[in-house]
Each structure stands twice: as C-alpha cells, then as structure tokens.
Amino acid sequence: MFRCNVCGSTEKKESFVDEMFRIDGKPVMVEHIPAAICVRCGEETFSRETTEKIRRMVHGEAKPIKSVSMDIFAYA
C-alpha cells in the first residue's frame, strides 16, 4: 500500500517523470521514469526496481540517448 513519506497521504497517481541526478559532480537527466506521485503534496516515489535500474544506467550500464550543453548560474 502507498503511503507518502512527506505528508502521509495514501492517495497516489501513476505517471512518468524526468529527474536530474548529480553523478561524480556531473548533472545527468533520466527521462520517462515511472513514479507514484502523491496527489496531496506531489512527492514523487520510485519503486525499488526502478531505483536500481536508474542506478545501473547512470553508472555505466547504459549509453545516453543524447547530450546537451547547459548554462549554469550561481545565485550569490
């Protein structure tokens, strides 16, 4: 049963999300990740299997489908 780790709600919707990770100081985006999203607060939760697949992907078991350059700003 789903229970949100942030607000405790038991209501969710299933959807796909994009998420940025920082791997060895480098930003990496993974697109179209299946997630349970809390309908009350919007917290995204990934299954253990999904989390493990993402970990393997970003640590070398998959090739990126594209690369982009990115502008970076420092909020001072």
PDB file of N, CA and C in Angstrom:
ATOM      1  N   MET A   1       0.824  -1.179   0.000  1.00  0.00           N
ATOM      2  CA  MET A   1       0.000   0.000   0.000  1.00  0.00           C
ATOM      3  C   MET A   1       0.872   1.248   0.000  1.00  0.00           C
ATOM      4  N   PHE A   2       0.458   2.245  -0.743  1.00  0.00           N
ATOM      5  CA  PHE A   2       1.198   3.505  -0.848  1.00  0.00           C
ATOM      6  C   PHE A   2       0.956   4.374   0.384  1.00  0.00           C
ATOM      7  N   ARG A   3       2.028   4.944   0.914  1.00  0.00           N
ATOM      8  CA  ARG A   3       1.936   5.977   1.941  1.00  0.00           C
ATOM      9  C   ARG A   3       3.052   6.975   1.661  1.00  0.00           C
ATOM     10  N   CYS A   4       2.678   8.235   1.446  1.00  0.00           N
ATOM     11  CA  CYS A   4       3.640   9.283   1.129  1.00  0.00           C
ATOM     12  C   CYS A   4       4.596   9.491   2.304  1.00  0.00           C
ATOM     13  N   ASN A   5       5.893   9.538   2.002  1.00  0.00           N
ATOM     14  CA  ASN A   5       6.909   9.759   3.029  1.00  0.00           C
ATOM     15  C   ASN A   5       6.918  11.193   3.543  1.00  0.00           C
ATOM     16  N   VAL A   6       6.319  12.111   2.806  1.00  0.00           N
ATOM     17  CA  VAL A   6       6.329  13.526   3.197  1.00  0.00           C
ATOM     18  C   VAL A   6       5.091  13.898   4.007  1.00  0.00           C
ATOM     19  N   CYS A   7       3.893  13.607   3.453  1.00  0.00           N
ATOM     20  CA  CYS A   7       2.663  14.083   4.106  1.00  0.00           C
ATOM     21  C   CYS A   7       1.798  12.965   4.686  1.00  0.00           C
ATOM     22  N   GLY A   8       2.117  11.698   4.399  1.00  0.00           N
ATOM     23  CA  GLY A   8       1.366  10.583   4.956  1.00  0.00           C
ATOM     24  C   GLY A   8       0.125  10.183   4.182  1.00  0.00           C
ATOM     25  N   SER A   9      -0.188  10.888   3.099  1.00  0.00           N
ATOM     26  CA  SER A   9      -1.370  10.559   2.297  1.00  0.00           C
ATOM     27  C   SER A   9      -1.250   9.153   1.720  1.00  0.00           C
ATOM     28  N   THR A  10      -2.396   8.526   1.500  1.00  0.00           N
ATOM     29  CA  THR A  10      -2.407   7.202   0.869  1.00  0.00           C
ATOM     30  C   THR A  10      -2.928   7.271  -0.568  1.00  0.00           C
ATOM     31  N   GLU A  11      -3.177   8.475  -1.068  1.00  0.00           N
ATOM     32  CA  GLU A  11      -3.670   8.635  -2.432  1.00  0.00           C
ATOM     33  C   GLU A  11      -2.518   8.984  -3.360  1.00  0.00           C
ATOM     34  N   LYS A  12      -2.451   8.264  -4.483  1.00  0.00           N
ATOM     35  CA  LYS A  12      -1.380   8.484  -5.454  1.00  0.00           C
ATOM     36  C   LYS A  12      -1.941   8.415  -6.856  1.00  0.00           C
ATOM     37  N   LYS A  13      -1.151   8.916  -7.792  1.00  0.00           N
ATOM     38  CA  LYS A  13      -1.423   8.698  -9.203  1.00  0.00           C
ATOM     39  C   LYS A  13      -0.135   8.180  -9.815  1.00  0.00           C
ATOM     40  N   GLU A  14      -0.278   7.334 -10.803  1.00  0.00           N
ATOM     41  CA  GLU A  14       0.883   6.801 -11.509  1.00  0.00           C
ATOM     42  C   GLU A  14       1.148   7.682 -12.719  1.00  0.00           C
ATOM     43  N   SER A  15       2.422   8.030 -12.925  1.00  0.00           N
ATOM     44  CA  SER A  15       2.782   8.872 -14.052  1.00  0.00           C
ATOM     45  C   SER A  15       4.244   8.639 -14.395  1.00  0.00           C
ATOM     46  N   PHE A  16       4.747   9.391 -15.360  1.00  0.00           N
ATOM     47  CA  PHE A  16       6.151   9.344 -15.746  1.00  0.00           C
ATOM     48  C   PHE A  16       6.754  10.711 -15.504  1.00  0.00           C
ATOM     49  N   VAL A  17       7.980  10.737 -14.972  1.00  0.00           N
ATOM     50  CA  VAL A  17       8.648  11.987 -14.637  1.00  0.00           C
ATOM     51  C   VAL A  17      10.071  11.988 -15.191  1.00  0.00           C
ATOM     52  N   ASP A  18      10.652  13.176 -15.292  1.00  0.00           N
ATOM     53  CA  ASP A  18      12.060  13.349 -15.622  1.00  0.00           C
ATOM     54  C   ASP A  18      12.761  13.787 -14.346  1.00  0.00           C
ATOM     55  N   GLU A  19      13.958  13.300 -14.121  1.00  0.00           N
ATOM     56  CA  GLU A  19      14.661  13.620 -12.876  1.00  0.00           C
ATOM     57  C   GLU A  19      16.130  13.887 -13.163  1.00  0.00           C
ATOM     58  N   MET A  20      16.670  14.931 -12.505  1.00  0.00           N
ATOM     59  CA  MET A  20      18.097  15.260 -12.595  1.00  0.00           C
ATOM     60  C   MET A  20      18.831  14.618 -11.432  1.00  0.00           C
ATOM     61  N   PHE A  21      19.978  14.026 -11.721  1.00  0.00           N
ATOM     62  CA  PHE A  21      20.847  13.448 -10.703  1.00  0.00           C
ATOM     63  C   PHE A  21      22.228  14.068 -10.871  1.00  0.00           C
ATOM     64  N   ARG A  22      23.022  14.076  -9.832  1.00  0.00           N
ATOM     65  CA  ARG A  22      24.398  14.536  -9.917  1.00  0.00           C
ATOM     66  C   ARG A  22      25.279  13.313  -9.687  1.00  0.00           C
ATOM     67  N   ILE A  23      25.985  12.911 -10.735  1.00  0.00           N
ATOM     68  CA  ILE A  23      26.847  11.729 -10.681  1.00  0.00           C
ATOM     69  C   ILE A  23      28.285  12.193 -10.849  1.00  0.00           C
ATOM     70  N   ASP A  24      29.110  11.971  -9.832  1.00  0.00           N
ATOM     71  CA  ASP A  24      30.507  12.425  -9.848  1.00  0.00           C
ATOM     72  C   ASP A  24      30.609  13.905 -10.203  1.00  0.00           C
ATOM     73  N   GLY A  25      29.704  14.721  -9.652  1.00  0.00           N
ATOM     74  CA  GLY A  25      29.719  16.155  -9.878  1.00  0.00           C
ATOM     75  C   GLY A  25      29.131  16.610 -11.192  1.00  0.00           C
ATOM     76  N   LYS A  26      28.657  15.683 -11.999  1.00  0.00           N
ATOM     77  CA  LYS A  26      28.122  15.998 -13.325  1.00  0.00           C
ATOM     78  C   LYS A  26      26.607  15.808 -13.329  1.00  0.00           C
ATOM     79  N   PRO A  27      25.851  16.814 -13.830  1.00  0.00           N
ATOM     80  CA  PRO A  27      24.397  16.630 -13.893  1.00  0.00           C
ATOM     81  C   PRO A  27      24.011  15.629 -14.976  1.00  0.00           C
ATOM     82  N   VAL A  28      23.091  14.747 -14.632  1.00  0.00           N
ATOM     83  CA  VAL A  28      22.607  13.713 -15.549  1.00  0.00           C
ATOM     84  C   VAL A  28      21.084  13.691 -15.443  1.00  0.00           C
ATOM     85  N   MET A  29      20.405  13.661 -16.586  1.00  0.00           N
ATOM     86  CA  MET A  29      18.946  13.595 -16.566  1.00  0.00           C
ATOM     87  C   MET A  29      18.486  12.221 -17.050  1.00  0.00           C
ATOM     88  N   VAL A  30      17.508  11.680 -16.356  1.00  0.00           N
ATOM     89  CA  VAL A  30      16.854  10.450 -16.793  1.00  0.00           C
ATOM     90  C   VAL A  30      15.405  10.824 -17.084  1.00  0.00           C
ATOM     91  N   GLU A  31      14.959  10.507 -18.291  1.00  0.00           N
ATOM     92  CA  GLU A  31      13.615  10.865 -18.721  1.00  0.00           C
ATOM     93  C   GLU A  31      12.671   9.672 -18.623  1.00  0.00           C
ATOM     94  N   HIS A  32      11.390   9.974 -18.487  1.00  0.00           N
ATOM     95  CA  HIS A  32      10.300   9.000 -18.582  1.00  0.00           C
ATOM     96  C   HIS A  32      10.412   7.892 -17.518  1.00  0.00           C
ATOM     97  N   ILE A  33      10.637   8.310 -16.266  1.00  0.00           N
ATOM     98  CA  ILE A  33      10.753   7.363 -15.155  1.00  0.00           C
ATOM     99  C   ILE A  33       9.355   7.092 -14.597  1.00  0.00           C
ATOM    100  N   PRO A  34       8.946   5.824 -14.465  1.00  0.00           N
ATOM    101  CA  PRO A  34       7.649   5.542 -13.839  1.00  0.00           C
ATOM    102  C   PRO A  34       7.698   5.893 -12.360  1.00  0.00           C
ATOM    103  N   ALA A  35       6.680   6.622 -11.889  1.00  0.00           N
ATOM    104  CA  ALA A  35       6.672   7.078 -10.497  1.00  0.00           C
ATOM    105  C   ALA A  35       5.259   7.066  -9.937  1.00  0.00           C
ATOM    106  N   ALA A  36       5.178   6.885  -8.629  1.00  0.00           N
ATOM    107  CA  ALA A  36       3.937   7.101  -7.893  1.00  0.00           C
ATOM    108  C   ALA A  36       4.021   8.523  -7.365  1.00  0.00           C
ATOM    109  N   ILE A  37       3.004   9.341  -7.658  1.00  0.00           N
ATOM    110  CA  ILE A  37       3.018  10.742  -7.260  1.00  0.00           C
ATOM    111  C   ILE A  37       1.883  10.988  -6.270  1.00  0.00           C
ATOM    112  N   CYS A  38       2.241  11.513  -5.115  1.00  0.00           N
ATOM    113  CA  CYS A  38       1.247  11.816  -4.080  1.00  0.00           C
ATOM    114  C   CYS A  38       0.293  12.882  -4.606  1.00  0.00           C
ATOM    115  N   VAL A  39      -1.012  12.618  -4.516  1.00  0.00           N
ATOM    116  CA  VAL A  39      -1.992  13.587  -5.012  1.00  0.00           C
ATOM    117  C   VAL A  39      -2.124  14.787  -4.079  1.00  0.00           C
ATOM    118  N   ARG A  40      -1.701  14.651  -2.826  1.00  0.00           N
ATOM    119  CA  ARG A  40      -1.805  15.767  -1.892  1.00  0.00           C
ATOM    120  C   ARG A  40      -0.623  16.732  -2.018  1.00  0.00           C
ATOM    121  N   CYS A  41       0.615  16.223  -1.977  1.00  0.00           N
ATOM    122  CA  CYS A  41       1.778  17.126  -1.938  1.00  0.00           C
ATOM    123  C   CYS A  41       2.665  17.064  -3.186  1.00  0.00           C
ATOM    124  N   GLY A  42       2.446  16.076  -4.059  1.00  0.00           N
ATOM    125  CA  GLY A  42       3.229  15.991  -5.290  1.00  0.00           C
ATOM    126  C   GLY A  42       4.547  15.244  -5.170  1.00  0.00           C
ATOM    127  N   GLU A  43       4.844  14.689  -3.997  1.00  0.00           N
ATOM    128  CA  GLU A  43       6.085  13.936  -3.821  1.00  0.00           C
ATOM    129  C   GLU A  43       6.124  12.759  -4.788  1.00  0.00           C
ATOM    130  N   GLU A  44       7.260  12.615  -5.480  1.00  0.00           N
ATOM    131  CA  GLU A  44       7.452  11.519  -6.425  1.00  0.00           C
ATOM    132  C   GLU A  44       8.175  10.373  -5.725  1.00  0.00           C
ATOM    133  N   THR A  45       7.670   9.149  -5.896  1.00  0.00           N
ATOM    134  CA  THR A  45       8.277   7.974  -5.288  1.00  0.00           C
ATOM    135  C   THR A  45       8.537   6.946  -6.372  1.00  0.00           C
ATOM    136  N   PHE A  46       9.735   6.355  -6.349  1.00  0.00           N
ATOM    137  CA  PHE A  46      10.109   5.319  -7.310  1.00  0.00           C
ATOM    138  C   PHE A  46      10.152   3.966  -6.607  1.00  0.00           C
ATOM    139  N   SER A  47       9.799   2.921  -7.335  1.00  0.00           N
ATOM    140  CA  SER A  47       9.890   1.569  -6.778  1.00  0.00           C
ATOM    141  C   SER A  47      11.359   1.192  -6.598  1.00  0.00           C
ATOM    142  N   ARG A  48      11.614   0.163  -5.814  1.00  0.00           N
ATOM    143  CA  ARG A  48      12.993  -0.324  -5.636  1.00  0.00           C
ATOM    144  C   ARG A  48      13.592  -0.758  -6.968  1.00  0.00           C
ATOM    145  N   GLU A  49      12.790  -1.438  -7.771  1.00  0.00           N
ATOM    146  CA  GLU A  49      13.269  -1.910  -9.068  1.00  0.00           C
ATOM    147  C   GLU A  49      13.646  -0.739  -9.972  1.00  0.00           C
ATOM    148  N   THR A  50      12.811   0.293  -9.982  1.00  0.00           N
ATOM    149  CA  THR A  50      13.089   1.476 -10.802  1.00  0.00           C
ATOM    150  C   THR A  50      14.351   2.173 -10.314  1.00  0.00           C
ATOM    151  N   THR A  51      14.485   2.327  -9.007  1.00  0.00           N
ATOM    152  CA  THR A  51      15.667   2.974  -8.435  1.00  0.00           C
ATOM    153  C   THR A  51      16.935   2.215  -8.802  1.00  0.00           C
ATOM    154  N   GLU A  52      16.885   0.888  -8.725  1.00  0.00           N
ATOM    155  CA  GLU A  52      18.052   0.072  -9.065  1.00  0.00           C
ATOM    156  C   GLU A  52      18.380   0.185 -10.554  1.00  0.00           C
ATOM    157  N   LYS A  53      17.372   0.194 -11.404  1.00  0.00           N
ATOM    158  CA  LYS A  53      17.610   0.330 -12.843  1.00  0.00           C
ATOM    159  C   LYS A  53      18.253   1.680 -13.154  1.00  0.00           C
ATOM    160  N   ILE A  54      17.771   2.750 -12.518  1.00  0.00           N
ATOM    161  CA  ILE A  54      18.365   4.073 -12.723  1.00  0.00           C
ATOM    162  C   ILE A  54      19.828   4.063 -12.268  1.00  0.00           C
ATOM    163  N   ARG A  55      20.090   3.485 -11.104  1.00  0.00           N
ATOM    164  CA  ARG A  55      21.464   3.419 -10.589  1.00  0.00           C
ATOM    165  C   ARG A  55      22.392   2.737 -11.579  1.00  0.00           C
ATOM    166  N   ARG A  56      21.955   1.605 -12.121  1.00  0.00           N
ATOM    167  CA  ARG A  56      22.786   0.884 -13.091  1.00  0.00           C
ATOM    168  C   ARG A  56      22.987   1.699 -14.368  1.00  0.00           C
ATOM    169  N   MET A  57      21.920   2.347 -14.833  1.00  0.00           N
ATOM    170  CA  MET A  57      22.008   3.155 -16.057  1.00  0.00           C
ATOM    171  C   MET A  57      23.051   4.256 -15.932  1.00  0.00           C
ATOM    172  N   VAL A  58      22.935   5.060 -14.879  1.00  0.00           N
ATOM    173  CA  VAL A  58      23.797   6.239 -14.768  1.00  0.00           C
ATOM    174  C   VAL A  58      25.229   5.897 -14.370  1.00  0.00           C
ATOM    175  N   HIS A  59      25.449   4.676 -13.918  1.00  0.00           N
ATOM    176  CA  HIS A  59      26.811   4.255 -13.571  1.00  0.00           C
ATOM    177  C   HIS A  59      27.431   3.365 -14.641  1.00  0.00           C
ATOM    178  N   GLY A  60      26.955   3.501 -15.877  1.00  0.00           N
ATOM    179  CA  GLY A  60      27.670   2.903 -16.986  1.00  0.00           C
ATOM    180  C   GLY A  60      27.034   1.739 -17.700  1.00  0.00           C
ATOM    181  N   GLU A  61      25.903   1.209 -17.250  1.00  0.00           N
ATOM    182  CA  GLU A  61      25.305   0.066 -17.936  1.00  0.00           C
ATOM    183  C   GLU A  61      24.442   0.484 -19.123  1.00  0.00           C
ATOM    184  N   ALA A  62      24.287   1.777 -19.340  1.00  0.00           N
ATOM    185  CA  ALA A  62      23.508   2.258 -20.489  1.00  0.00           C
ATOM    186  C   ALA A  62      24.250   3.438 -21.113  1.00  0.00           C
ATOM    187  N   LYS A  63      23.978   3.678 -22.367  1.00  0.00           N
ATOM    188  CA  LYS A  63      24.542   4.826 -23.075  1.00  0.00           C
ATOM    189  C   LYS A  63      23.491   5.923 -23.106  1.00  0.00           C
ATOM    190  N   PRO A  64      23.916   7.190 -22.951  1.00  0.00           N
ATOM    191  CA  PRO A  64      22.950   8.287 -23.058  1.00  0.00           C
ATOM    192  C   PRO A  64      22.327   8.327 -24.452  1.00  0.00           C
ATOM    193  N   ILE A  65      21.053   8.727 -24.520  1.00  0.00           N
ATOM    194  CA  ILE A  65      20.401   8.841 -25.826  1.00  0.00           C
ATOM    195  C   ILE A  65      20.720  10.167 -26.493  1.00  0.00           C
ATOM    196  N   LYS A  66      21.172  11.163 -25.697  1.00  0.00           N
ATOM    197  CA  LYS A  66      21.587  12.456 -26.242  1.00  0.00           C
ATOM    198  C   LYS A  66      22.378  13.207 -25.180  1.00  0.00           C
ATOM    199  N   SER A  67      23.110  14.219 -25.621  1.00  0.00           N
ATOM    200  CA  SER A  67      23.848  15.105 -24.721  1.00  0.00           C
ATOM    201  C   SER A  67      23.504  16.535 -25.088  1.00  0.00           C
ATOM    202  N   VAL A  68      23.452  17.402 -24.101  1.00  0.00           N
ATOM    203  CA  VAL A  68      23.158  18.818 -24.331  1.00  0.00           C
ATOM    204  C   VAL A  68      24.123  19.654 -23.505  1.00  0.00           C
ATOM    205  N   SER A  69      24.402  20.879 -23.984  1.00  0.00           N
ATOM    206  CA  SER A  69      25.183  21.791 -23.151  1.00  0.00           C
ATOM    207  C   SER A  69      24.202  22.568 -22.280  1.00  0.00           C
ATOM    208  N   MET A  70      24.690  23.074 -21.142  1.00  0.00           N
ATOM    209  CA  MET A  70      23.793  23.709 -20.197  1.00  0.00           C
ATOM    210  C   MET A  70      24.442  24.967 -19.635  1.00  0.00           C
ATOM    211  N   ASP A  71      23.682  26.058 -19.553  1.00  0.00           N
ATOM    212  CA  ASP A  71      24.149  27.271 -18.885  1.00  0.00           C
ATOM    213  C   ASP A  71      23.983  27.062 -17.382  1.00  0.00           C
ATOM    214  N   ILE A  72      24.996  27.498 -16.634  1.00  0.00           N
ATOM    215  CA  ILE A  72      24.963  27.351 -15.176  1.00  0.00           C
ATOM    216  C   ILE A  72      25.146  28.721 -14.552  1.00  0.00           C
ATOM    217  N   PHE A  73      24.291  29.042 -13.602  1.00  0.00           N
ATOM    218  CA  PHE A  73      24.337  30.318 -12.906  1.00  0.00           C
ATOM    219  C   PHE A  73      24.552  30.073 -11.420  1.00  0.00           C
ATOM    220  N   ALA A  74      25.268  30.984 -10.768  1.00  0.00           N
ATOM    221  CA  ALA A  74      25.464  30.913  -9.315  1.00  0.00           C
ATOM    222  C   ALA A  74      24.608  31.994  -8.675  1.00  0.00           C
ATOM    223  N   TYR A  75      23.765  31.604  -7.764  1.00  0.00           N
ATOM    224  CA  TYR A  75      22.941  32.545  -7.023  1.00  0.00           C
ATOM    225  C   TYR A  75      23.790  33.056  -5.864  1.00  0.00           C
ATOM    226  N   ALA A  76      24.198  34.308  -5.947  1.00  0.00           N
ATOM    227  CA  ALA A  76      25.111  34.838  -4.916  1.00  0.00           C
ATOM    228  C   ALA A  76      24.390  35.786  -3.991  1.00  0.00           C
TER     229      ALA A  76
END
